[in-house]
Amino acid sequence: MLGWEFPPFISGGLGTACYGLTKAMSQQGTEVLFALPKAVDTSSSTHVKMLSPRGNVKKRTYYVPGEPLEDILTNVEFRKIESLLEPYSTPEEYHERYEQIIRNKRSTSRLVEEWYEDTTEAAQGQKANYGEDMYTEVHRYAYSAARLAAGEDFDLIHAHDWMTYPAGIAAAAQTGKPLVIHVHSTEFDRSGEHVNQLVYDIERAGMHAADRIIAVSHLTRNIIISRYGVEGEKVEVVYNGVERNGQPKLPSRVGIRRNEKIVLFLGRITMQKGPEYFLHSAKKVLSVMPDVKFVMAGSGDMMEKTIEMAAELGIGNKVLFTGFLRGPDVQRVYEMADLYVMPSVSEPFGIAPLEALNYDVPVLISKQSGVSEVLTHALKVDFWDTDEMANKILAVLKYRPLQMTLKEHGNFEVRKLKWEDAAAGCNRVYQQVVTGAKALN
């Protein structure tokens, strides 16, 4: 399995999905070797055992506090491979990480230094949203993954999202093993019609090279078929799940009066997530119901613009920006909320609404999301319809019977969305692919 993030070092839903999926696979007896970029600092990991990339095995067991020891990922091993790959980075952040690694000779190799010198000049000008050297890193990761795969015994390769597709293709070519790619998001979700051609080309190459494609929703499956020219028989939908929450804690309401209602936006503050629609709806709500605070938890390339927009709309004192949250802080902000809103312009799935329901928080989600396919007891709205979004926010905040109905039925509904089912779905795809590969041989 190839990925670029894993808890506790995550930037979005992919890391959460990889954790839930591999944990369930481990419990079902599927053995997974998970390759991660070496840029990810795993020294404070809380739930996995790590193996070094060169056979110098140093085993150490970690677990989630309060979780039974038998629930540790006993069938999952992790390998750190040479790469500076990290999602959503700026050029400045990339170069800072590179300099840190070069200063620490124990955590790099001469190969990486030479590759950096050879490819930096070629990468100049390819800035996009991912940093000017992201494409160099994607291919460096692919080279390292192919070398890793050559020395391992496994049945198939499972690659998560576009940054790992070249690695999956390289590993498949190196070993002759079948390739499954998992599409959690496409360039059309992230950029709308103004796609980055290099990213699109990598995505398309991965989809056409794969033996089978796993999509997180029918929304995503339709994009894969219509936008990338893939045959429908090749694409299987496997919905994400959600981890059951632990014991609730008393929430801290810093900067919020007790008589104020709280409406929560939690996610990357980017075009894809629709933060501007959230703010325009907030202004309309506040004109009717002033005792409401709108909390925007997350970070992203639209952060500064969104803060400025809140000020321009005259609601700056009613909108709180928390920055990126992790672990207990995520739980705390859910427990404070009276309503969770996901106004995404295009959301392949959307794990956050499931997490909100898990904490008894009613949800309002855009119809342009994969999770709307599996949730019945959730309010739904077109992302662009800020009048209707505001009306539904007001309805939940004003009418307690509606709020309680959404809480109770939503929480019951989300219990049926388990990572165990997602793992079983992936295992069915694995079995089909491996059986087909053996038949060809």
Protein backbone atom coordinates (compact mmCIF):
# COMPACT_ATOMS: atom_id res chain seq x y z
CA MET A 1 0.00 0.00 0.00
CA LEU A 2 1.35 3.40 -1.05
CA GLY A 3 0.30 6.63 0.66
CA TRP A 4 1.67 10.02 1.62
CA GLU A 5 0.16 10.59 5.07
CA PHE A 6 -0.92 8.65 8.14
CA PRO A 7 -2.05 9.76 11.63
CA PRO A 8 -0.96 11.62 13.62
CA PHE A 9 0.66 13.47 10.69
CA ILE A 10 -2.24 14.31 8.41
CA SER A 11 -3.48 17.23 6.35
CA GLY A 12 -6.94 15.96 5.49
CA GLY A 13 -9.29 13.01 5.19
CA LEU A 14 -6.88 10.69 3.35
CA GLY A 15 -4.76 9.99 6.43
CA THR A 16 -7.90 9.30 8.47
CA ALA A 17 -9.16 6.96 5.75
CA CYS A 18 -5.85 5.10 5.55
CA TYR A 19 -5.84 4.58 9.32
CA GLY A 20 -9.43 3.31 9.47
CA LEU A 21 -8.98 1.07 6.45
CA THR A 22 -5.68 -0.51 7.50
CA LYS A 23 -6.87 -1.04 11.06
CA ALA A 24 -9.94 -2.90 9.82
CA MET A 25 -7.83 -4.88 7.34
CA SER A 26 -5.45 -5.83 10.14
CA GLN A 27 -8.34 -7.15 12.21
CA GLN A 28 -9.59 -9.16 9.21
CA GLY A 29 -6.19 -10.78 8.77
CA THR A 30 -5.02 -8.93 5.64
CA GLU A 31 -1.29 -8.29 5.81
CA VAL A 32 -0.33 -4.78 4.69
CA LEU A 33 3.08 -3.23 4.06
CA PHE A 34 2.45 0.54 4.01
CA ALA A 35 5.06 2.76 2.31
CA LEU A 36 5.27 6.34 3.58
CA PRO A 37 7.56 9.23 2.58
CA LYS A 38 10.51 9.59 4.88
CA ALA A 39 9.61 13.28 5.28
CA VAL A 40 6.88 12.17 7.70
CA ASP A 41 8.27 12.17 11.24
CA THR A 42 7.09 8.89 12.77
CA SER A 43 8.95 9.21 16.05
CA SER A 44 5.79 10.21 17.94
CA SER A 45 3.36 7.91 16.15
CA THR A 46 0.69 6.58 18.46
CA HIS A 47 -0.61 3.39 16.93
CA VAL A 48 1.69 1.60 14.50
CA LYS A 49 4.96 -0.28 14.41
CA MET A 50 7.56 1.12 12.05
CA LEU A 51 10.30 -0.57 10.05
CA SER A 52 13.25 1.29 8.60
CA PRO A 53 13.60 1.30 4.80
CA ARG A 54 16.92 -0.53 4.53
CA GLY A 55 16.29 -3.72 6.45
CA ASN A 56 17.77 -2.36 9.67
CA VAL A 57 14.69 -3.47 11.55
CA LYS A 58 13.81 -1.62 14.71
CA LYS A 59 10.42 -2.73 15.98
CA ARG A 60 8.41 -0.67 18.38
CA THR A 61 4.74 -1.02 19.31
CA TYR A 62 2.46 1.98 19.76
CA TYR A 63 -1.23 2.19 20.50
CA VAL A 64 -4.02 4.68 20.80
CA PRO A 65 -4.39 5.62 24.51
CA GLY A 66 -7.30 3.72 25.99
CA GLU A 67 -7.50 1.29 23.08
CA PRO A 68 -7.21 -2.45 23.91
CA LEU A 69 -3.79 -3.81 23.03
CA GLU A 70 -5.34 -6.48 20.83
CA ASP A 71 -6.59 -3.67 18.54
CA ILE A 72 -3.06 -2.61 17.56
CA LEU A 73 -2.33 -2.91 13.83
CA THR A 74 -0.62 -6.27 14.20
CA ASN A 75 -0.83 -7.15 10.50
CA VAL A 76 0.35 -3.76 9.24
CA GLU A 77 4.01 -2.87 8.78
CA PHE A 78 5.24 0.56 7.71
CA ARG A 79 8.29 1.41 5.62
CA LYS A 80 9.67 4.91 5.32
CA ILE A 81 11.13 5.52 1.87
CA GLU A 82 13.33 8.32 0.56
CA SER A 83 11.17 11.32 -0.35
CA LEU A 84 10.33 14.81 0.78
CA LEU A 85 6.76 14.23 -0.36
CA GLU A 86 4.17 16.08 1.68
CA PRO A 87 0.77 17.33 0.49
CA TYR A 88 -0.37 20.94 0.13
CA SER A 89 3.10 22.39 0.75
CA THR A 90 4.44 25.75 -0.40
CA PRO A 91 7.81 26.04 -2.16
CA GLU A 92 9.22 27.68 0.98
CA GLU A 93 8.07 24.78 3.19
CA TYR A 94 9.49 22.26 0.73
CA HIS A 95 12.96 23.88 0.68
CA GLU A 96 12.95 24.22 4.48
CA ARG A 97 12.27 20.48 4.86
CA TYR A 98 14.96 19.66 2.31
CA GLU A 99 17.58 21.74 4.15
CA GLN A 100 16.66 20.08 7.46
CA ILE A 101 17.14 16.62 5.97
CA ILE A 102 20.44 17.52 4.32
CA ARG A 103 21.74 18.88 7.65
CA ASN A 104 20.88 15.58 9.31
CA LYS A 105 23.08 13.11 7.41
CA ARG A 106 21.64 10.19 9.38
CA SER A 107 18.24 10.63 7.71
CA THR A 108 19.25 11.03 4.07
CA SER A 109 21.37 9.40 1.43
CA ARG A 110 23.76 10.70 -1.22
CA LEU A 111 21.27 9.47 -3.82
CA VAL A 112 18.62 11.95 -2.64
CA GLU A 113 21.13 14.80 -2.65
CA GLU A 114 22.25 13.97 -6.19
CA TRP A 115 18.70 13.61 -7.44
CA TYR A 116 17.79 16.95 -5.90
CA GLU A 117 20.66 18.71 -7.65
CA ASP A 118 19.85 17.04 -11.00
CA THR A 119 16.12 17.72 -10.95
CA THR A 120 15.68 21.07 -9.20
CA GLU A 121 16.55 23.03 -12.34
CA ALA A 122 14.11 20.99 -14.43
CA ALA A 123 11.38 21.51 -11.87
CA GLN A 124 11.62 25.31 -11.87
CA GLY A 125 8.39 26.93 -13.00
CA GLN A 126 6.15 23.94 -12.18
CA LYS A 127 4.64 25.67 -9.17
CA ALA A 128 0.90 24.89 -9.24
CA ASN A 129 -0.71 24.55 -5.79
CA TYR A 130 1.61 21.87 -4.53
CA GLY A 131 5.02 23.55 -4.51
CA GLU A 132 7.45 23.94 -7.37
CA ASP A 133 9.20 20.61 -6.77
CA MET A 134 6.19 18.43 -6.00
CA TYR A 135 6.43 16.67 -9.36
CA THR A 136 10.09 15.89 -8.74
CA GLU A 137 9.13 14.38 -5.40
CA VAL A 138 6.33 12.30 -6.89
CA HIS A 139 8.80 10.63 -9.26
CA ARG A 140 11.50 10.31 -6.61
CA TYR A 141 8.95 8.56 -4.41
CA ALA A 142 8.09 6.29 -7.36
CA TYR A 143 11.74 5.32 -7.81
CA SER A 144 12.16 4.51 -4.13
CA ALA A 145 8.87 2.59 -4.00
CA ALA A 146 9.93 0.43 -6.96
CA ARG A 147 13.21 -0.41 -5.21
CA LEU A 148 11.33 -1.27 -2.02
CA ALA A 149 8.82 -3.46 -3.89
CA ALA A 150 11.62 -5.42 -5.58
CA GLY A 151 12.72 -6.79 -2.21
CA GLU A 152 9.31 -7.67 -0.79
CA ASP A 153 6.86 -10.55 -1.17
CA PHE A 154 3.26 -9.49 -1.75
CA ASP A 155 0.20 -10.18 -3.89
CA LEU A 156 -0.79 -6.74 -5.17
CA ILE A 157 -0.16 -2.99 -4.98
CA HIS A 158 -2.72 -0.51 -3.61
CA ALA A 159 -1.98 3.19 -4.33
CA HIS A 160 -3.86 6.08 -2.69
CA ASP A 161 -4.45 9.28 -4.73
CA TRP A 162 -2.47 10.90 -7.52
CA MET A 163 0.85 11.49 -5.79
CA THR A 164 1.34 7.72 -5.41
CA TYR A 165 0.11 6.62 -8.86
CA PRO A 166 3.58 6.83 -10.51
CA ALA A 167 4.92 4.80 -7.56
CA GLY A 168 2.22 2.20 -8.09
CA ILE A 169 2.94 2.01 -11.83
CA ALA A 170 6.69 1.68 -11.18
CA ALA A 171 6.24 -0.99 -8.51
CA ALA A 172 3.90 -2.96 -10.79
CA ALA A 173 6.38 -2.77 -13.66
CA GLN A 174 9.22 -3.84 -11.35
CA THR A 175 7.40 -6.84 -9.88
CA GLY A 176 4.70 -7.82 -12.37
CA LYS A 177 2.10 -7.61 -9.59
CA PRO A 178 -1.40 -6.21 -10.26
CA LEU A 179 -2.15 -2.58 -9.39
CA VAL A 180 -5.24 -1.22 -7.61
CA ILE A 181 -5.60 2.54 -7.27
CA HIS A 182 -7.89 4.22 -4.74
CA VAL A 183 -9.39 7.53 -5.89
CA HIS A 184 -10.21 9.70 -2.89
CA SER A 185 -10.23 12.91 -4.94
CA THR A 186 -9.68 14.06 -8.53
CA GLU A 187 -8.19 17.20 -10.00
CA PHE A 188 -11.72 18.26 -11.03
CA ASP A 189 -12.75 18.19 -7.35
CA ARG A 190 -9.74 20.25 -6.29
CA SER A 191 -9.59 22.75 -9.16
CA GLY A 192 -12.95 22.73 -10.91
CA GLU A 193 -12.66 23.21 -14.65
CA HIS A 194 -9.23 24.91 -14.32
CA VAL A 195 -7.30 21.68 -13.87
CA ASN A 196 -3.54 21.44 -13.58
CA GLN A 197 -2.61 19.50 -16.71
CA LEU A 198 0.38 17.75 -15.13
CA VAL A 199 -1.73 16.45 -12.24
CA TYR A 200 -4.51 15.39 -14.62
CA ASP A 201 -2.02 13.51 -16.80
CA ILE A 202 -0.64 11.64 -13.78
CA GLU A 203 -4.15 10.76 -12.62
CA ARG A 204 -5.19 9.55 -16.07
CA ALA A 205 -2.03 7.47 -16.49
CA GLY A 206 -2.63 5.83 -13.11
CA MET A 207 -6.25 5.04 -13.88
CA HIS A 208 -5.46 3.48 -17.23
CA ALA A 209 -2.49 1.51 -15.87
CA ALA A 210 -4.48 0.09 -12.95
CA ASP A 211 -6.05 -3.36 -13.06
CA ARG A 212 -8.93 -2.08 -10.95
CA ILE A 213 -10.00 1.30 -9.52
CA ILE A 214 -11.67 1.86 -6.14
CA ALA A 215 -13.78 5.05 -5.98
CA VAL A 216 -15.08 6.46 -2.70
CA SER A 217 -18.52 7.29 -4.15
CA HIS A 218 -20.66 7.03 -7.27
CA LEU A 219 -20.05 10.76 -7.74
CA THR A 220 -16.33 10.04 -8.04
CA ARG A 221 -16.94 6.95 -10.18
CA ASN A 222 -18.90 9.03 -12.69
CA ILE A 223 -16.07 11.59 -12.88
CA ILE A 224 -13.53 8.80 -13.48
CA ILE A 225 -15.60 7.37 -16.32
CA SER A 226 -16.64 10.65 -17.99
CA ARG A 227 -13.51 12.76 -17.49
CA TYR A 228 -10.72 10.19 -17.71
CA GLY A 229 -12.11 7.78 -20.32
CA VAL A 230 -12.15 4.70 -18.08
CA GLU A 231 -14.52 1.77 -18.68
CA GLY A 232 -17.20 1.48 -16.00
CA GLU A 233 -16.52 -2.24 -15.41
CA LYS A 234 -13.10 -1.32 -14.09
CA VAL A 235 -14.35 1.02 -11.32
CA GLU A 236 -15.75 -0.29 -8.02
CA VAL A 237 -17.37 1.93 -5.37
CA VAL A 238 -16.31 1.33 -1.76
CA TYR A 239 -17.66 3.86 0.73
CA ASN A 240 -15.54 5.13 3.61
CA GLY A 241 -16.41 4.44 7.23
CA VAL A 242 -15.96 6.23 10.53
CA GLU A 243 -14.26 5.43 13.83
CA ARG A 244 -16.58 5.29 16.84
CA ASN A 245 -15.81 8.11 19.26
CA GLY A 246 -14.55 7.61 22.80
CA GLN A 247 -15.95 9.00 26.02
CA PRO A 248 -17.21 12.60 25.66
CA LYS A 249 -15.36 15.35 27.51
CA LEU A 250 -16.61 18.64 28.85
CA PRO A 251 -16.08 21.12 26.02
CA SER A 252 -14.13 24.35 26.43
CA ARG A 253 -15.89 27.39 24.93
CA VAL A 254 -13.01 29.87 24.71
CA GLY A 255 -14.18 33.17 23.22
CA ILE A 256 -17.81 31.99 23.03
CA ARG A 257 -20.60 32.97 25.42
CA ARG A 258 -22.80 30.20 26.78
CA ASN A 259 -25.93 31.65 25.18
CA GLU A 260 -24.32 31.60 21.72
CA LYS A 261 -24.99 28.81 19.26
CA ILE A 262 -22.03 27.37 17.37
CA VAL A 263 -21.99 26.50 13.68
CA LEU A 264 -18.88 24.58 12.61
CA PHE A 265 -16.93 24.39 9.35
CA LEU A 266 -14.10 21.84 9.62
CA GLY A 267 -11.89 21.13 6.63
CA ARG A 268 -9.23 22.57 4.38
CA ILE A 269 -9.95 26.22 3.59
CA THR A 270 -9.70 25.86 -0.18
CA MET A 271 -11.91 26.48 -3.20
CA GLN A 272 -13.09 22.85 -3.17
CA LYS A 273 -14.58 23.15 0.32
CA GLY A 274 -16.68 26.28 -0.40
CA PRO A 275 -15.64 28.56 2.51
CA GLU A 276 -17.05 31.68 0.78
CA TYR A 277 -20.52 30.11 0.63
CA PHE A 278 -20.28 29.34 4.33
CA LEU A 279 -19.50 32.99 5.11
CA HIS A 280 -22.26 34.41 2.90
CA SER A 281 -24.73 32.08 4.63
CA ALA A 282 -23.34 33.14 8.00
CA LYS A 283 -24.05 36.80 7.24
CA LYS A 284 -27.67 35.97 6.38
CA VAL A 285 -28.09 33.92 9.56
CA LEU A 286 -26.62 36.66 11.74
CA SER A 287 -29.02 39.25 10.30
CA VAL A 288 -31.85 37.19 11.82
CA MET A 289 -30.16 35.52 14.79
CA PRO A 290 -27.17 37.48 16.14
CA ASP A 291 -26.25 35.12 19.02
CA VAL A 292 -24.36 32.68 16.79
CA LYS A 293 -20.64 32.05 16.40
CA PHE A 294 -19.27 30.51 13.22
CA VAL A 295 -16.11 28.47 13.80
CA MET A 296 -13.83 27.73 10.83
CA ALA A 297 -11.41 24.96 11.80
CA GLY A 298 -8.70 24.22 9.26
CA SER A 299 -6.04 25.79 7.08
CA GLY A 300 -5.42 26.14 3.36
CA ASP A 301 -4.54 28.42 0.49
CA MET A 302 -7.74 30.49 0.92
CA MET A 303 -7.20 31.15 4.63
CA GLU A 304 -6.10 34.78 4.31
CA LYS A 305 -8.73 35.55 1.68
CA THR A 306 -11.45 34.01 3.86
CA ILE A 307 -10.42 36.07 6.90
CA GLU A 308 -10.51 39.20 4.77
CA MET A 309 -13.93 38.22 3.41
CA ALA A 310 -15.35 37.82 6.93
CA ALA A 311 -14.14 41.34 7.73
CA GLU A 312 -15.54 42.78 4.49
CA LEU A 313 -18.93 41.18 5.21
CA GLY A 314 -18.93 42.85 8.63
CA ILE A 315 -19.04 39.57 10.56
CA GLY A 316 -15.38 39.30 11.56
CA ASN A 317 -16.25 39.36 15.27
CA LYS A 318 -18.66 36.45 14.75
CA VAL A 319 -16.26 34.14 12.92
CA LEU A 320 -13.48 32.29 14.77
CA PHE A 321 -10.53 30.81 12.83
CA THR A 322 -8.81 28.02 14.76
CA GLY A 323 -6.19 26.90 12.23
CA PHE A 324 -5.49 23.20 11.64
CA LEU A 325 -6.67 20.96 14.49
CA ARG A 326 -5.46 17.52 15.53
CA GLY A 327 -6.51 14.75 17.92
CA PRO A 328 -8.28 15.92 21.09
CA ASP A 329 -8.82 19.41 19.65
CA VAL A 330 -10.94 17.94 16.84
CA GLN A 331 -13.07 16.09 19.37
CA ARG A 332 -13.42 19.23 21.47
CA VAL A 333 -14.61 21.40 18.60
CA TYR A 334 -17.19 18.78 17.54
CA GLU A 335 -18.51 18.57 21.09
CA MET A 336 -18.95 22.34 21.18
CA ALA A 337 -20.91 22.53 17.93
CA ASP A 338 -24.69 22.81 17.53
CA LEU A 339 -24.46 22.18 13.78
CA TYR A 340 -21.80 21.06 11.32
CA VAL A 341 -21.90 22.51 7.79
CA MET A 342 -20.02 21.11 4.79
CA PRO A 343 -20.66 23.46 1.82
CA SER A 344 -18.25 21.70 -0.54
CA VAL A 345 -18.29 22.60 -4.22
CA SER A 346 -17.19 19.05 -5.10
CA GLU A 347 -16.58 16.47 -2.37
CA PRO A 348 -15.69 12.92 -3.49
CA PHE A 349 -16.87 11.56 -0.14
CA GLY A 350 -16.51 13.62 3.04
CA ILE A 351 -15.57 11.88 6.29
CA ALA A 352 -16.07 14.95 8.50
CA PRO A 353 -19.92 14.79 8.47
CA LEU A 354 -19.70 11.19 9.69
CA GLU A 355 -17.37 12.29 12.48
CA ALA A 356 -19.80 15.07 13.43
CA LEU A 357 -22.74 12.65 13.61
CA ASN A 358 -20.52 10.38 15.67
CA TYR A 359 -20.41 13.18 18.26
CA ASP A 360 -24.19 13.75 18.09
CA VAL A 361 -23.84 16.90 15.97
CA PRO A 362 -26.50 17.36 13.24
CA VAL A 363 -25.09 18.01 9.78
CA LEU A 364 -25.91 20.14 6.75
CA ILE A 365 -24.05 18.94 3.66
CA SER A 366 -23.86 19.96 0.01
CA LYS A 367 -25.66 17.80 -2.53
CA GLN A 368 -22.39 17.82 -4.48
CA SER A 369 -20.79 15.29 -2.13
CA GLY A 370 -20.34 11.54 -2.08
CA VAL A 371 -21.43 11.26 1.54
CA SER A 372 -24.88 12.56 0.54
CA GLU A 373 -25.33 9.18 -1.20
CA VAL A 374 -25.19 7.31 2.11
CA LEU A 375 -26.76 9.73 4.60
CA THR A 376 -30.54 9.99 4.77
CA HIS A 377 -30.91 11.88 8.04
CA ALA A 378 -28.88 14.92 7.09
CA LEU A 379 -29.97 18.25 5.68
CA LYS A 380 -28.78 18.76 2.10
CA VAL A 381 -28.41 21.87 -0.03
CA ASP A 382 -26.77 22.96 -3.28
CA PHE A 383 -23.46 24.60 -2.32
CA TRP A 384 -24.29 27.78 -4.27
CA ASP A 385 -27.73 28.31 -2.67
CA THR A 386 -26.69 30.44 0.31
CA ASP A 387 -30.30 31.52 0.99
CA GLU A 388 -31.42 27.92 1.46
CA MET A 389 -28.24 27.14 3.42
CA ALA A 390 -28.98 30.01 5.79
CA ASN A 391 -32.63 28.92 6.15
CA LYS A 392 -31.62 25.40 7.10
CA ILE A 393 -29.00 26.62 9.57
CA LEU A 394 -31.65 28.78 11.23
CA ALA A 395 -34.12 25.91 11.31
CA VAL A 396 -31.69 23.67 13.22
CA LEU A 397 -30.64 26.42 15.65
CA LYS A 398 -34.18 27.62 16.34
CA TYR A 399 -36.17 24.40 16.48
CA ARG A 400 -34.89 21.93 19.05
CA PRO A 401 -37.17 19.04 17.91
CA LEU A 402 -35.56 19.18 14.46
CA GLN A 403 -32.09 19.30 15.98
CA MET A 404 -32.81 16.30 18.23
CA THR A 405 -34.33 14.27 15.37
CA LEU A 406 -31.28 14.87 13.17
CA LYS A 407 -28.97 13.95 16.07
CA GLU A 408 -30.70 10.73 17.04
CA HIS A 409 -31.41 9.35 13.57
CA GLY A 410 -28.09 10.57 12.19
CA ASN A 411 -26.10 8.92 14.96
CA PHE A 412 -27.98 5.66 14.45
CA GLU A 413 -27.38 5.87 10.70
CA VAL A 414 -23.66 6.52 10.98
CA ARG A 415 -23.19 3.39 13.07
CA LYS A 416 -23.88 1.36 9.92
CA LEU A 417 -20.94 2.99 8.10
CA LYS A 418 -18.02 0.92 9.36
CA TRP A 419 -14.42 0.67 8.27
CA GLU A 420 -14.87 -3.10 8.55
CA ASP A 421 -17.27 -2.93 5.59
CA ALA A 422 -14.84 -0.73 3.63
CA ALA A 423 -12.02 -3.21 4.31
CA ALA A 424 -14.23 -6.10 3.22
CA GLY A 425 -15.05 -4.22 0.01
CA CYS A 426 -11.36 -3.66 -0.73
CA ASN A 427 -10.61 -7.30 0.01
CA ARG A 428 -13.26 -8.37 -2.51
CA VAL A 429 -11.57 -6.19 -5.13
CA TYR A 430 -8.19 -7.66 -4.15
CA GLN A 431 -9.49 -11.20 -4.58
CA GLN A 432 -10.91 -10.45 -8.02
CA VAL A 433 -7.68 -8.81 -9.16
CA VAL A 434 -5.38 -11.53 -7.84
CA THR A 435 -7.58 -14.29 -9.25
CA GLY A 436 -7.64 -12.54 -12.63
CA ALA A 437 -3.86 -12.09 -12.62
CA LYS A 438 -3.33 -15.79 -11.85
CA ALA A 439 -5.69 -16.77 -14.65
CA LEU A 440 -3.67 -14.71 -17.13
CA ASN A 441 -0.46 -16.37 -15.99
